[in-house]
Amino acid sequence: TCELEVGDAFRVEYAIFADTPEGRIWDNNFGSNHHCRRHSL
């Protein structure tokens, strides 16, 4: 787990990685990245 210190940002885009002996593996929402944003008005 971790907490991204996003402050007052309206939208955050991110990808997750893990470093393994065979190299870095990713979860990037199948190429479109994960995102988290504020509620719109």
Full PDB file with SEQRES, HELIX, SHEET, SSBOND, CRYST1, ORIGX, SCALE, CONECT and MASTER records, all heavy atoms in Angstrom:
SEQRES   1 A   41  THR CYS GLU LEU GLU VAL GLY ASP ALA PHE ARG VAL GLU          
SEQRES   2 A   41  TYR ALA ILE PHE ALA ASP THR PRO GLU GLY ARG ILE TRP          
SEQRES   3 A   41  ASP ASN ASN PHE GLY SER ASN HIS HIS CYS ARG ARG HIS          
SEQRES   4 A   41  SER LEU                                                      
SHEET    1 AA1 2 ARG A  11  TYR A  14  0                                        
SHEET    2 AA1 2 HIS A  34  ARG A  37 -1                                        
SHEET    1 AA2 2 ILE A  16  THR A  20  0                                        
SHEET    2 AA2 2 GLY A  23  ASP A  27 -1                                        
CRYST1    1.000    1.000    1.000  90.00  90.00  90.00 P 1           1          
ORIGX1      1.000000  0.000000  0.000000        0.00000                         
ORIGX2      0.000000  1.000000  0.000000        0.00000                         
ORIGX3      0.000000  0.000000  1.000000        0.00000                         
SCALE1      1.000000  0.000000  0.000000        0.00000                         
SCALE2      0.000000  1.000000  0.000000        0.00000                         
SCALE3      0.000000  0.000000  1.000000        0.00000                         
ATOM      1  N   THR A   1       0.830  -1.205   0.000  1.00  0.00           N  
ATOM      2  CA  THR A   1       0.000   0.000   0.000  1.00  0.00           C  
ATOM      3  C   THR A   1       0.862   1.252   0.000  1.00  0.00           C  
ATOM      4  O   THR A   1       2.021   1.240   0.456  1.00  0.00           O  
ATOM      5  CB  THR A   1      -0.927   0.044   1.233  1.00  0.00           C  
ATOM      6  OG1 THR A   1      -0.131   0.068   2.419  1.00  0.00           O  
ATOM      7  CG2 THR A   1      -1.849  -1.159   1.267  1.00  0.00           C  
ATOM      8  N   CYS A   2       0.291   2.326  -0.507  1.00  0.00           N  
ATOM      9  CA  CYS A   2       0.927   3.642  -0.389  1.00  0.00           C  
ATOM     10  C   CYS A   2      -0.130   4.721  -0.559  1.00  0.00           C  
ATOM     11  O   CYS A   2      -1.240   4.464  -1.039  1.00  0.00           O  
ATOM     12  CB  CYS A   2       2.066   3.818  -1.395  1.00  0.00           C  
ATOM     13  SG  CYS A   2       1.549   4.049  -3.096  1.00  0.00           S  
ATOM     14  N   GLU A   3       0.204   5.928  -0.141  1.00  0.00           N  
ATOM     15  CA  GLU A   3      -0.669   7.093  -0.274  1.00  0.00           C  
ATOM     16  C   GLU A   3       0.028   8.118  -1.165  1.00  0.00           C  
ATOM     17  O   GLU A   3       1.135   8.577  -0.851  1.00  0.00           O  
ATOM     18  CB  GLU A   3      -0.966   7.707   1.092  1.00  0.00           C  
ATOM     19  CG  GLU A   3      -1.760   6.820   2.029  1.00  0.00           C  
ATOM     20  CD  GLU A   3      -3.260   6.913   1.788  1.00  0.00           C  
ATOM     21  OE1 GLU A   3      -3.677   7.853   1.081  1.00  0.00           O  
ATOM     22  OE2 GLU A   3      -3.988   6.053   2.311  1.00  0.00           O  
ATOM     23  N   LEU A   4      -0.591   8.466  -2.263  1.00  0.00           N  
ATOM     24  CA  LEU A   4      -0.036   9.481  -3.156  1.00  0.00           C  
ATOM     25  C   LEU A   4      -0.409  10.858  -2.618  1.00  0.00           C  
ATOM     26  O   LEU A   4      -1.583  11.160  -2.417  1.00  0.00           O  
ATOM     27  CB  LEU A   4      -0.587   9.301  -4.571  1.00  0.00           C  
ATOM     28  CG  LEU A   4      -0.466   7.907  -5.194  1.00  0.00           C  
ATOM     29  CD1 LEU A   4      -0.987   7.924  -6.626  1.00  0.00           C  
ATOM     30  CD2 LEU A   4       0.964   7.394  -5.137  1.00  0.00           C  
ATOM     31  N   GLU A   5       0.589  11.688  -2.379  1.00  0.00           N  
ATOM     32  CA  GLU A   5       0.360  13.036  -1.846  1.00  0.00           C  
ATOM     33  C   GLU A   5      -0.030  13.965  -2.998  1.00  0.00           C  
ATOM     34  O   GLU A   5       0.795  14.654  -3.581  1.00  0.00           O  
ATOM     35  CB  GLU A   5       1.622  13.535  -1.143  1.00  0.00           C  
ATOM     36  CG  GLU A   5       2.073  12.688   0.031  1.00  0.00           C  
ATOM     37  CD  GLU A   5       1.120  12.777   1.217  1.00  0.00           C  
ATOM     38  OE1 GLU A   5       0.353  13.771   1.292  1.00  0.00           O  
ATOM     39  OE2 GLU A   5       1.149  11.864   2.064  1.00  0.00           O  
ATOM     40  N   VAL A   6      -1.320  13.995  -3.307  1.00  0.00           N  
ATOM     41  CA  VAL A   6      -1.787  14.693  -4.506  1.00  0.00           C  
ATOM     42  C   VAL A   6      -2.176  16.135  -4.242  1.00  0.00           C  
ATOM     43  O   VAL A   6      -2.403  16.911  -5.179  1.00  0.00           O  
ATOM     44  CB  VAL A   6      -2.977  13.938  -5.129  1.00  0.00           C  
ATOM     45  CG1 VAL A   6      -2.577  12.520  -5.494  1.00  0.00           C  
ATOM     46  CG2 VAL A   6      -4.177  13.924  -4.181  1.00  0.00           C  
ATOM     47  N   GLY A   7      -2.276  16.545  -2.963  1.00  0.00           N  
ATOM     48  CA  GLY A   7      -2.637  17.923  -2.646  1.00  0.00           C  
ATOM     49  C   GLY A   7      -4.020  18.276  -3.165  1.00  0.00           C  
ATOM     50  O   GLY A   7      -4.982  17.542  -2.967  1.00  0.00           O  
ATOM     51  N   ASP A   8      -4.123  19.407  -3.867  1.00  0.00           N  
ATOM     52  CA  ASP A   8      -5.401  19.882  -4.396  1.00  0.00           C  
ATOM     53  C   ASP A   8      -5.599  19.523  -5.866  1.00  0.00           C  
ATOM     54  O   ASP A   8      -6.478  20.081  -6.534  1.00  0.00           O  
ATOM     55  CB  ASP A   8      -5.507  21.398  -4.236  1.00  0.00           C  
ATOM     56  CG  ASP A   8      -5.539  21.827  -2.778  1.00  0.00           C  
ATOM     57  OD1 ASP A   8      -6.176  21.105  -1.983  1.00  0.00           O  
ATOM     58  OD2 ASP A   8      -4.932  22.860  -2.440  1.00  0.00           O  
ATOM     59  N   ALA A   9      -4.787  18.623  -6.392  1.00  0.00           N  
ATOM     60  CA  ALA A   9      -4.892  18.246  -7.807  1.00  0.00           C  
ATOM     61  C   ALA A   9      -6.299  17.753  -8.126  1.00  0.00           C  
ATOM     62  O   ALA A   9      -6.922  17.045  -7.327  1.00  0.00           O  
ATOM     63  CB  ALA A   9      -3.877  17.162  -8.139  1.00  0.00           C  
ATOM     64  N   PHE A  10      -6.811  18.136  -9.301  1.00  0.00           N  
ATOM     65  CA  PHE A  10      -8.146  17.700  -9.701  1.00  0.00           C  
ATOM     66  C   PHE A  10      -8.117  16.268 -10.236  1.00  0.00           C  
ATOM     67  O   PHE A  10      -9.012  15.473  -9.959  1.00  0.00           O  
ATOM     68  CB  PHE A  10      -8.709  18.621 -10.789  1.00  0.00           C  
ATOM     69  CG  PHE A  10     -10.056  18.189 -11.287  1.00  0.00           C  
ATOM     70  CD1 PHE A  10     -11.197  18.397 -10.537  1.00  0.00           C  
ATOM     71  CD2 PHE A  10     -10.184  17.549 -12.525  1.00  0.00           C  
ATOM     72  CE1 PHE A  10     -12.446  17.980 -10.989  1.00  0.00           C  
ATOM     73  CE2 PHE A  10     -11.423  17.129 -12.982  1.00  0.00           C  
ATOM     74  CZ  PHE A  10     -12.558  17.345 -12.216  1.00  0.00           C  
ATOM     75  N   ARG A  11      -7.052  15.911 -10.968  1.00  0.00           N  
ATOM     76  CA  ARG A  11      -6.963  14.593 -11.583  1.00  0.00           C  
ATOM     77  C   ARG A  11      -5.536  14.073 -11.474  1.00  0.00           C  
ATOM     78  O   ARG A  11      -4.585  14.814 -11.715  1.00  0.00           O  
ATOM     79  CB  ARG A  11      -7.389  14.642 -13.052  1.00  0.00           C  
ATOM     80  CG  ARG A  11      -7.484  13.283 -13.747  1.00  0.00           C  
ATOM     81  CD  ARG A  11      -7.940  13.471 -15.190  1.00  0.00           C  
ATOM     82  NE  ARG A  11      -8.251  12.222 -15.846  1.00  0.00           N  
ATOM     83  CZ  ARG A  11      -7.356  11.428 -16.435  1.00  0.00           C  
ATOM     84  NH1 ARG A  11      -6.075  11.787 -16.438  1.00  0.00           N  
ATOM     85  NH2 ARG A  11      -7.725  10.307 -17.027  1.00  0.00           N  
ATOM     86  N   VAL A  12      -5.409  12.799 -11.106  1.00  0.00           N  
ATOM     87  CA  VAL A  12      -4.110  12.147 -10.989  1.00  0.00           C  
ATOM     88  C   VAL A  12      -4.118  10.902 -11.859  1.00  0.00           C  
ATOM     89  O   VAL A  12      -5.076  10.133 -11.858  1.00  0.00           O  
ATOM     90  CB  VAL A  12      -3.799  11.762  -9.524  1.00  0.00           C  
ATOM     91  CG1 VAL A  12      -2.481  11.006  -9.427  1.00  0.00           C  
ATOM     92  CG2 VAL A  12      -3.753  13.000  -8.652  1.00  0.00           C  
ATOM     93  N   GLU A  13      -3.035  10.728 -12.625  1.00  0.00           N  
ATOM     94  CA  GLU A  13      -2.881   9.550 -13.471  1.00  0.00           C  
ATOM     95  C   GLU A  13      -1.667   8.766 -12.981  1.00  0.00           C  
ATOM     96  O   GLU A  13      -0.650   9.362 -12.628  1.00  0.00           O  
ATOM     97  CB  GLU A  13      -2.694   9.982 -14.922  1.00  0.00           C  
ATOM     98  CG  GLU A  13      -2.804   8.861 -15.938  1.00  0.00           C  
ATOM     99  CD  GLU A  13      -2.811   9.387 -17.371  1.00  0.00           C  
ATOM    100  OE1 GLU A  13      -2.904  10.618 -17.547  1.00  0.00           O  
ATOM    101  OE2 GLU A  13      -2.718   8.565 -18.293  1.00  0.00           O  
ATOM    102  N   TYR A  14      -1.764   7.428 -12.967  1.00  0.00           N  
ATOM    103  CA  TYR A  14      -0.644   6.667 -12.399  1.00  0.00           C  
ATOM    104  C   TYR A  14      -0.576   5.250 -12.949  1.00  0.00           C  
ATOM    105  O   TYR A  14      -1.544   4.718 -13.515  1.00  0.00           O  
ATOM    106  CB  TYR A  14      -0.740   6.626 -10.876  1.00  0.00           C  
ATOM    107  CG  TYR A  14      -1.973   5.973 -10.306  1.00  0.00           C  
ATOM    108  CD1 TYR A  14      -1.979   4.639  -9.911  1.00  0.00           C  
ATOM    109  CD2 TYR A  14      -3.157   6.701 -10.130  1.00  0.00           C  
ATOM    110  CE1 TYR A  14      -3.102   4.050  -9.375  1.00  0.00           C  
ATOM    111  CE2 TYR A  14      -4.286   6.125  -9.587  1.00  0.00           C  
ATOM    112  CZ  TYR A  14      -4.262   4.795  -9.214  1.00  0.00           C  
ATOM    113  OH  TYR A  14      -5.382   4.209  -8.682  1.00  0.00           O  
ATOM    114  N   ALA A  15       0.615   4.654 -12.783  1.00  0.00           N  
ATOM    115  CA  ALA A  15       0.876   3.260 -13.131  1.00  0.00           C  
ATOM    116  C   ALA A  15       1.668   2.636 -11.988  1.00  0.00           C  
ATOM    117  O   ALA A  15       2.432   3.318 -11.299  1.00  0.00           O  
ATOM    118  CB  ALA A  15       1.644   3.153 -14.441  1.00  0.00           C  
ATOM    119  N   ILE A  16       1.483   1.337 -11.784  1.00  0.00           N  
ATOM    120  CA  ILE A  16       2.093   0.618 -10.665  1.00  0.00           C  
ATOM    121  C   ILE A  16       3.181  -0.305 -11.208  1.00  0.00           C  
ATOM    122  O   ILE A  16       3.002  -0.929 -12.263  1.00  0.00           O  
ATOM    123  CB  ILE A  16       1.022  -0.201  -9.916  1.00  0.00           C  
ATOM    124  CG1 ILE A  16      -0.119   0.718  -9.463  1.00  0.00           C  
ATOM    125  CG2 ILE A  16       1.627  -0.938  -8.732  1.00  0.00           C  
ATOM    126  CD1 ILE A  16      -1.382  -0.034  -9.110  1.00  0.00           C  
ATOM    127  N   PHE A  17       4.295  -0.396 -10.492  1.00  0.00           N  
ATOM    128  CA  PHE A  17       5.382  -1.276 -10.937  1.00  0.00           C  
ATOM    129  C   PHE A  17       5.878  -2.130  -9.778  1.00  0.00           C  
ATOM    130  O   PHE A  17       5.687  -1.801  -8.600  1.00  0.00           O  
ATOM    131  CB  PHE A  17       6.540  -0.460 -11.517  1.00  0.00           C  
ATOM    132  CG  PHE A  17       7.296   0.362 -10.513  1.00  0.00           C  
ATOM    133  CD1 PHE A  17       8.345  -0.177  -9.771  1.00  0.00           C  
ATOM    134  CD2 PHE A  17       6.968   1.691 -10.301  1.00  0.00           C  
ATOM    135  CE1 PHE A  17       9.040   0.575  -8.841  1.00  0.00           C  
ATOM    136  CE2 PHE A  17       7.657   2.458  -9.369  1.00  0.00           C  
ATOM    137  CZ  PHE A  17       8.696   1.905  -8.643  1.00  0.00           C  
ATOM    138  N   ALA A  18       6.521  -3.233 -10.135  1.00  0.00           N  
ATOM    139  CA  ALA A  18       7.198  -4.099  -9.169  1.00  0.00           C  
ATOM    140  C   ALA A  18       8.520  -4.530  -9.783  1.00  0.00           C  
ATOM    141  O   ALA A  18       8.562  -4.986 -10.937  1.00  0.00           O  
ATOM    142  CB  ALA A  18       6.352  -5.310  -8.820  1.00  0.00           C  
ATOM    143  N   ASP A  19       9.591  -4.360  -9.047  1.00  0.00           N  
ATOM    144  CA  ASP A  19      10.912  -4.766  -9.505  1.00  0.00           C  
ATOM    145  C   ASP A  19      11.172  -6.206  -9.079  1.00  0.00           C  
ATOM    146  O   ASP A  19      11.165  -6.524  -7.889  1.00  0.00           O  
ATOM    147  CB  ASP A  19      11.988  -3.836  -8.939  1.00  0.00           C  
ATOM    148  CG  ASP A  19      11.925  -2.453  -9.559  1.00  0.00           C  
ATOM    149  OD1 ASP A  19      11.516  -2.359 -10.734  1.00  0.00           O  
ATOM    150  OD2 ASP A  19      12.271  -1.473  -8.877  1.00  0.00           O  
ATOM    151  N   THR A  20      11.399  -7.074 -10.053  1.00  0.00           N  
ATOM    152  CA  THR A  20      11.624  -8.495  -9.806  1.00  0.00           C  
ATOM    153  C   THR A  20      12.985  -8.896 -10.360  1.00  0.00           C  
ATOM    154  O   THR A  20      13.599  -8.140 -11.131  1.00  0.00           O  
ATOM    155  CB  THR A  20      10.531  -9.337 -10.471  1.00  0.00           C  
ATOM    156  OG1 THR A  20      10.749  -9.359 -11.889  1.00  0.00           O  
ATOM    157  CG2 THR A  20       9.144  -8.764 -10.188  1.00  0.00           C  
ATOM    158  N   PRO A  21      13.477 -10.078 -10.020  1.00  0.00           N  
ATOM    159  CA  PRO A  21      14.761 -10.537 -10.582  1.00  0.00           C  
ATOM    160  C   PRO A  21      14.745 -10.606 -12.106  1.00  0.00           C  
ATOM    161  O   PRO A  21      15.796 -10.505 -12.741  1.00  0.00           O  
ATOM    162  CB  PRO A  21      14.916 -11.937  -9.965  1.00  0.00           C  
ATOM    163  CG  PRO A  21      14.157 -11.871  -8.680  1.00  0.00           C  
ATOM    164  CD  PRO A  21      12.979 -10.989  -8.969  1.00  0.00           C  
ATOM    165  N   GLU A  22      13.571 -10.790 -12.719  1.00  0.00           N  
ATOM    166  CA  GLU A  22      13.484 -10.860 -14.178  1.00  0.00           C  
ATOM    167  C   GLU A  22      13.259  -9.492 -14.814  1.00  0.00           C  
ATOM    168  O   GLU A  22      13.161  -9.380 -16.026  1.00  0.00           O  
ATOM    169  CB  GLU A  22      12.347 -11.794 -14.592  1.00  0.00           C  
ATOM    170  CG  GLU A  22      12.646 -13.279 -14.424  1.00  0.00           C  
ATOM    171  CD  GLU A  22      12.656 -13.698 -12.963  1.00  0.00           C  
ATOM    172  OE1 GLU A  22      11.863 -13.123 -12.173  1.00  0.00           O  
ATOM    173  OE2 GLU A  22      13.461 -14.578 -12.602  1.00  0.00           O  
ATOM    174  N   GLY A  23      13.146  -8.447 -13.991  1.00  0.00           N  
ATOM    175  CA  GLY A  23      12.925  -7.121 -14.524  1.00  0.00           C  
ATOM    176  C   GLY A  23      11.680  -6.482 -13.933  1.00  0.00           C  
ATOM    177  O   GLY A  23      11.026  -7.040 -13.056  1.00  0.00           O  
ATOM    178  N   ARG A  24      11.351  -5.317 -14.408  1.00  0.00           N  
ATOM    179  CA  ARG A  24      10.215  -4.556 -13.887  1.00  0.00           C  
ATOM    180  C   ARG A  24       8.928  -4.994 -14.582  1.00  0.00           C  
ATOM    181  O   ARG A  24       8.873  -5.087 -15.808  1.00  0.00           O  
ATOM    182  CB  ARG A  24      10.452  -3.066 -14.071  1.00  0.00           C  
ATOM    183  CG  ARG A  24       9.302  -2.177 -13.622  1.00  0.00           C  
ATOM    184  CD  ARG A  24       9.714  -0.717 -13.548  1.00  0.00           C  
ATOM    185  NE  ARG A  24      10.564  -0.456 -12.389  1.00  0.00           N  
ATOM    186  CZ  ARG A  24      10.940   0.773 -12.004  1.00  0.00           C  
ATOM    187  NH1 ARG A  24      10.552   1.833 -12.699  1.00  0.00           N  
ATOM    188  NH2 ARG A  24      11.709   0.923 -10.954  1.00  0.00           N  
ATOM    189  N   ILE A  25       7.876  -5.249 -13.783  1.00  0.00           N  
ATOM    190  CA  ILE A  25       6.560  -5.553 -14.318  1.00  0.00           C  
ATOM    191  C   ILE A  25       5.612  -4.410 -13.956  1.00  0.00           C  
ATOM    192  O   ILE A  25       5.822  -3.710 -12.964  1.00  0.00           O  
ATOM    193  CB  ILE A  25       6.010  -6.901 -13.811  1.00  0.00           C  
ATOM    194  CG1 ILE A  25       5.929  -6.928 -12.268  1.00  0.00           C  
ATOM    195  CG2 ILE A  25       6.864  -8.045 -14.311  1.00  0.00           C  
ATOM    196  CD1 ILE A  25       5.315  -8.199 -11.717  1.00  0.00           C  
ATOM    197  N   TRP A  26       4.566  -4.252 -14.782  1.00  0.00           N  
ATOM    198  CA  TRP A  26       3.690  -3.094 -14.632  1.00  0.00           C  
ATOM    199  C   TRP A  26       2.223  -3.503 -14.543  1.00  0.00           C  
ATOM    200  O   TRP A  26       1.807  -4.507 -15.125  1.00  0.00           O  
ATOM    201  CB  TRP A  26       3.844  -2.152 -15.834  1.00  0.00           C  
ATOM    202  CG  TRP A  26       5.141  -1.430 -15.905  1.00  0.00           C  
ATOM    203  CD1 TRP A  26       6.293  -1.861 -16.521  1.00  0.00           C  
ATOM    204  CD2 TRP A  26       5.446  -0.154 -15.340  1.00  0.00           C  
ATOM    205  NE1 TRP A  26       7.282  -0.918 -16.379  1.00  0.00           N  
ATOM    206  CE2 TRP A  26       6.792   0.135 -15.660  1.00  0.00           C  
ATOM    207  CE3 TRP A  26       4.708   0.766 -14.586  1.00  0.00           C  
ATOM    208  CZ2 TRP A  26       7.407   1.311 -15.260  1.00  0.00           C  
ATOM    209  CZ3 TRP A  26       5.320   1.944 -14.197  1.00  0.00           C  
ATOM    210  CH2 TRP A  26       6.662   2.206 -14.524  1.00  0.00           C  
ATOM    211  N   ASP A  27       1.450  -2.688 -13.850  1.00  0.00           N  
ATOM    212  CA  ASP A  27       0.000  -2.652 -13.966  1.00  0.00           C  
ATOM    213  C   ASP A  27      -0.355  -1.220 -14.322  1.00  0.00           C  
ATOM    214  O   ASP A  27      -0.353  -0.330 -13.453  1.00  0.00           O  
ATOM    215  CB  ASP A  27      -0.687  -3.079 -12.663  1.00  0.00           C  
ATOM    216  CG  ASP A  27      -2.215  -2.984 -12.741  1.00  0.00           C  
ATOM    217  OD1 ASP A  27      -2.720  -2.480 -13.767  1.00  0.00           O  
ATOM    218  OD2 ASP A  27      -2.887  -3.389 -11.784  1.00  0.00           O  
ATOM    219  N   ASN A  28      -0.598  -0.993 -15.592  1.00  0.00           N  
ATOM    220  CA  ASN A  28      -0.932   0.364 -16.064  1.00  0.00           C  
ATOM    221  C   ASN A  28      -2.310   0.394 -16.708  1.00  0.00           C  
ATOM    222  O   ASN A  28      -2.550   1.127 -17.660  1.00  0.00           O  
ATOM    223  CB  ASN A  28       0.132   0.877 -17.032  1.00  0.00           C  
ATOM    224  CG  ASN A  28       0.263  -0.004 -18.269  1.00  0.00           C  
ATOM    225  OD1 ASN A  28      -0.468  -0.993 -18.421  1.00  0.00           O  
ATOM    226  ND2 ASN A  28       1.184   0.339 -19.150  1.00  0.00           N  
ATOM    227  N   ASN A  29      -3.223  -0.432 -16.159  1.00  0.00           N  
ATOM    228  CA  ASN A  29      -4.597  -0.484 -16.665  1.00  0.00           C  
ATOM    229  C   ASN A  29      -4.614  -0.814 -18.151  1.00  0.00           C  
ATOM    230  O   ASN A  29      -5.314  -0.194 -18.934  1.00  0.00           O  
ATOM    231  CB  ASN A  29      -5.332   0.825 -16.388  1.00  0.00           C  
ATOM    232  CG  ASN A  29      -6.839   0.692 -16.562  1.00  0.00           C  
ATOM    233  OD1 ASN A  29      -7.414  -0.370 -16.332  1.00  0.00           O  
ATOM    234  ND2 ASN A  29      -7.475   1.776 -16.980  1.00  0.00           N  
ATOM    235  N   PHE A  30      -3.770  -1.798 -18.531  1.00  0.00           N  
ATOM    236  CA  PHE A  30      -3.719  -2.315 -19.894  1.00  0.00           C  
ATOM    237  C   PHE A  30      -3.399  -1.230 -20.922  1.00  0.00           C  
ATOM    238  O   PHE A  30      -3.983  -1.168 -21.999  1.00  0.00           O  
ATOM    239  CB  PHE A  30      -5.038  -3.019 -20.234  1.00  0.00           C  
ATOM    240  CG  PHE A  30      -5.390  -4.108 -19.263  1.00  0.00           C  
ATOM    241  CD1 PHE A  30      -6.218  -3.839 -18.174  1.00  0.00           C  
ATOM    242  CD2 PHE A  30      -4.864  -5.378 -19.397  1.00  0.00           C  
ATOM    243  CE1 PHE A  30      -6.530  -4.839 -17.254  1.00  0.00           C  
ATOM    244  CE2 PHE A  30      -5.161  -6.377 -18.472  1.00  0.00           C  
ATOM    245  CZ  PHE A  30      -5.996  -6.109 -17.414  1.00  0.00           C  
ATOM    246  N   GLY A  31      -2.466  -0.358 -20.514  1.00  0.00           N  
ATOM    247  CA  GLY A  31      -1.962   0.647 -21.434  1.00  0.00           C  
ATOM    248  C   GLY A  31      -2.624   1.999 -21.343  1.00  0.00           C  
ATOM    249  O   GLY A  31      -2.143   2.966 -21.951  1.00  0.00           O  
ATOM    250  N   SER A  32      -3.716   2.128 -20.604  1.00  0.00           N  
ATOM    251  CA  SER A  32      -4.405   3.419 -20.525  1.00  0.00           C  
ATOM    252  C   SER A  32      -4.204   4.120 -19.189  1.00  0.00           C  
ATOM    253  O   SER A  32      -4.783   5.186 -18.963  1.00  0.00           O  
ATOM    254  CB  SER A  32      -5.907   3.235 -20.793  1.00  0.00           C  
ATOM    255  OG  SER A  32      -6.468   2.300 -19.887  1.00  0.00           O  
ATOM    256  N   ASN A  33      -3.404   3.537 -18.287  1.00  0.00           N  
ATOM    257  CA  ASN A  33      -3.093   4.087 -16.967  1.00  0.00           C  
ATOM    258  C   ASN A  33      -4.335   4.173 -16.072  1.00  0.00           C  
ATOM    259  O   ASN A  33      -5.471   4.280 -16.539  1.00  0.00           O  
ATOM    260  CB  ASN A  33      -2.444   5.471 -17.057  1.00  0.00           C  
ATOM    261  CG  ASN A  33      -1.035   5.397 -17.598  1.00  0.00           C  
ATOM    262  OD1 ASN A  33      -0.343   4.397 -17.439  1.00  0.00           O  
ATOM    263  ND2 ASN A  33      -0.591   6.465 -18.248  1.00  0.00           N  
ATOM    264  N   HIS A  34      -4.076   4.087 -14.782  1.00  0.00           N  
ATOM    265  CA  HIS A  34      -5.129   4.309 -13.790  1.00  0.00           C  
ATOM    266  C   HIS A  34      -5.274   5.813 -13.565  1.00  0.00           C  
ATOM    267  O   HIS A  34      -4.343   6.581 -13.814  1.00  0.00           O  
ATOM    268  CB  HIS A  34      -4.760   3.631 -12.468  1.00  0.00           C  
ATOM    269  CG  HIS A  34      -4.604   2.145 -12.581  1.00  0.00           C  
ATOM    270  ND1 HIS A  34      -5.675   1.288 -12.711  1.00  0.00           N  
ATOM    271  CD2 HIS A  34      -3.491   1.365 -12.589  1.00  0.00           C  
ATOM    272  CE1 HIS A  34      -5.228   0.041 -12.784  1.00  0.00           C  
ATOM    273  NE2 HIS A  34      -3.924   0.051 -12.713  1.00  0.00           N  
ATOM    274  N   HIS A  35      -6.429   6.216 -13.086  1.00  0.00           N  
ATOM    275  CA  HIS A  35      -6.597   7.619 -12.760  1.00  0.00           C  
ATOM    276  C   HIS A  35      -7.549   7.765 -11.586  1.00  0.00           C  
ATOM    277  O   HIS A  35      -8.356   6.887 -11.284  1.00  0.00           O  
ATOM    278  CB  HIS A  35      -7.108   8.419 -13.964  1.00  0.00           C  
ATOM    279  CG  HIS A  35      -8.541   8.137 -14.321  1.00  0.00           C  
ATOM    280  ND1 HIS A  35      -8.911   7.153 -15.206  1.00  0.00           N  
ATOM    281  CD2 HIS A  35      -9.699   8.703 -13.898  1.00  0.00           C  
ATOM    282  CE1 HIS A  35     -10.225   7.124 -15.307  1.00  0.00           C  
ATOM    283  NE2 HIS A  35     -10.733   8.058 -14.520  1.00  0.00           N  
ATOM    284  N   CYS A  36      -7.432   8.891 -10.914  1.00  0.00           N  
ATOM    285  CA  CYS A  36      -8.295   9.239  -9.798  1.00  0.00           C  
ATOM    286  C   CYS A  36      -8.519  10.743  -9.868  1.00  0.00           C  
ATOM    287  O   CYS A  36      -7.553  11.498 -10.072  1.00  0.00           O  
ATOM    288  CB  CYS A  36      -7.634   8.835  -8.478  1.00  0.00           C  
ATOM    289  SG  CYS A  36      -8.693   8.996  -7.030  1.00  0.00           S  
ATOM    290  N   ARG A  37      -9.750  11.173  -9.724  1.00  0.00           N  
ATOM    291  CA  ARG A  37     -10.015  12.611  -9.862  1.00  0.00           C  
ATOM    292  C   ARG A  37     -11.091  13.059  -8.885  1.00  0.00           C  
ATOM    293  O   ARG A  37     -11.789  12.256  -8.283  1.00  0.00           O  
ATOM    294  CB  ARG A  37     -10.440  12.951 -11.288  1.00  0.00           C  
ATOM    295  CG  ARG A  37     -11.780  12.382 -11.719  1.00  0.00           C  
ATOM    296  CD  ARG A  37     -12.121  12.865 -13.121  1.00  0.00           C  
ATOM    297  NE  ARG A  37     -13.370  12.346 -13.637  1.00  0.00           N  
ATOM    298  CZ  ARG A  37     -14.561  12.877 -13.392  1.00  0.00           C  
ATOM    299  NH1 ARG A  37     -14.658  13.949 -12.604  1.00  0.00           N  
ATOM    300  NH2 ARG A  37     -15.653  12.359 -13.905  1.00  0.00           N  
ATOM    301  N   ARG A  38     -11.189  14.365  -8.755  1.00  0.00           N  
ATOM    302  CA  ARG A  38     -12.228  14.955  -7.910  1.00  0.00           C  
ATOM    303  C   ARG A  38     -13.590  14.810  -8.579  1.00  0.00           C  
ATOM    304  O   ARG A  38     -13.690  14.631  -9.789  1.00  0.00           O  
ATOM    305  CB  ARG A  38     -11.952  16.444  -7.686  1.00  0.00           C  
ATOM    306  CG  ARG A  38     -10.579  16.763  -7.166  1.00  0.00           C  
ATOM    307  CD  ARG A  38     -10.440  16.459  -5.704  1.00  0.00           C  
ATOM    308  NE  ARG A  38      -9.092  16.760  -5.246  1.00  0.00           N  
ATOM    309  CZ  ARG A  38      -8.628  16.431  -4.052  1.00  0.00           C  
ATOM    310  NH1 ARG A  38      -9.414  15.791  -3.190  1.00  0.00           N  
ATOM    311  NH2 ARG A  38      -7.400  16.728  -3.701  1.00  0.00           N  
ATOM    312  N   HIS A  39     -14.621  14.945  -7.764  1.00  0.00           N  
ATOM    313  CA  HIS A  39     -15.962  14.984  -8.312  1.00  0.00           C  
ATOM    314  C   HIS A  39     -16.163  16.291  -9.073  1.00  0.00           C  
ATOM    315  O   HIS A  39     -15.740  17.355  -8.630  1.00  0.00           O  
ATOM    316  CB  HIS A  39     -16.998  14.886  -7.194  1.00  0.00           C  
ATOM    317  CG  HIS A  39     -17.112  13.508  -6.623  1.00  0.00           C  
ATOM    318  ND1 HIS A  39     -17.918  12.540  -7.165  1.00  0.00           N  
ATOM    319  CD2 HIS A  39     -16.497  12.939  -5.556  1.00  0.00           C  
ATOM    320  CE1 HIS A  39     -17.809  11.430  -6.455  1.00  0.00           C  
ATOM    321  NE2 HIS A  39     -16.969  11.641  -5.474  1.00  0.00           N  
ATOM    322  N   SER A  40     -16.814  16.205 -10.210  1.00  0.00           N  
ATOM    323  CA  SER A  40     -17.177  17.414 -10.942  1.00  0.00           C  
ATOM    324  C   SER A  40     -18.337  18.108 -10.234  1.00  0.00           C  
ATOM    325  O   SER A  40     -19.035  17.508  -9.407  1.00  0.00           O  
ATOM    326  CB  SER A  40     -17.577  17.059 -12.380  1.00  0.00           C  
ATOM    327  OG  SER A  40     -16.524  16.418 -13.056  1.00  0.00           O  
ATOM    328  N   LEU A  41     -18.538  19.381 -10.570  1.00  0.00           N  
ATOM    329  CA  LEU A  41     -19.668  20.129 -10.024  1.00  0.00           C  
ATOM    330  C   LEU A  41     -20.973  19.455 -10.461  1.00  0.00           C  
ATOM    331  O   LEU A  41     -21.164  19.154 -11.639  1.00  0.00           O  
ATOM    332  CB  LEU A  41     -19.636  21.572 -10.533  1.00  0.00           C  
ATOM    333  CG  LEU A  41     -20.743  22.485 -10.011  1.00  0.00           C  
ATOM    334  CD1 LEU A  41     -20.510  22.792  -8.539  1.00  0.00           C  
ATOM    335  CD2 LEU A  41     -20.777  23.778 -10.824  1.00  0.00           C  
TER     336      LEU A  41                                                      
MASTER        0    0    0    0    4    0    0    6  335    1    0    4          
END                                                                             
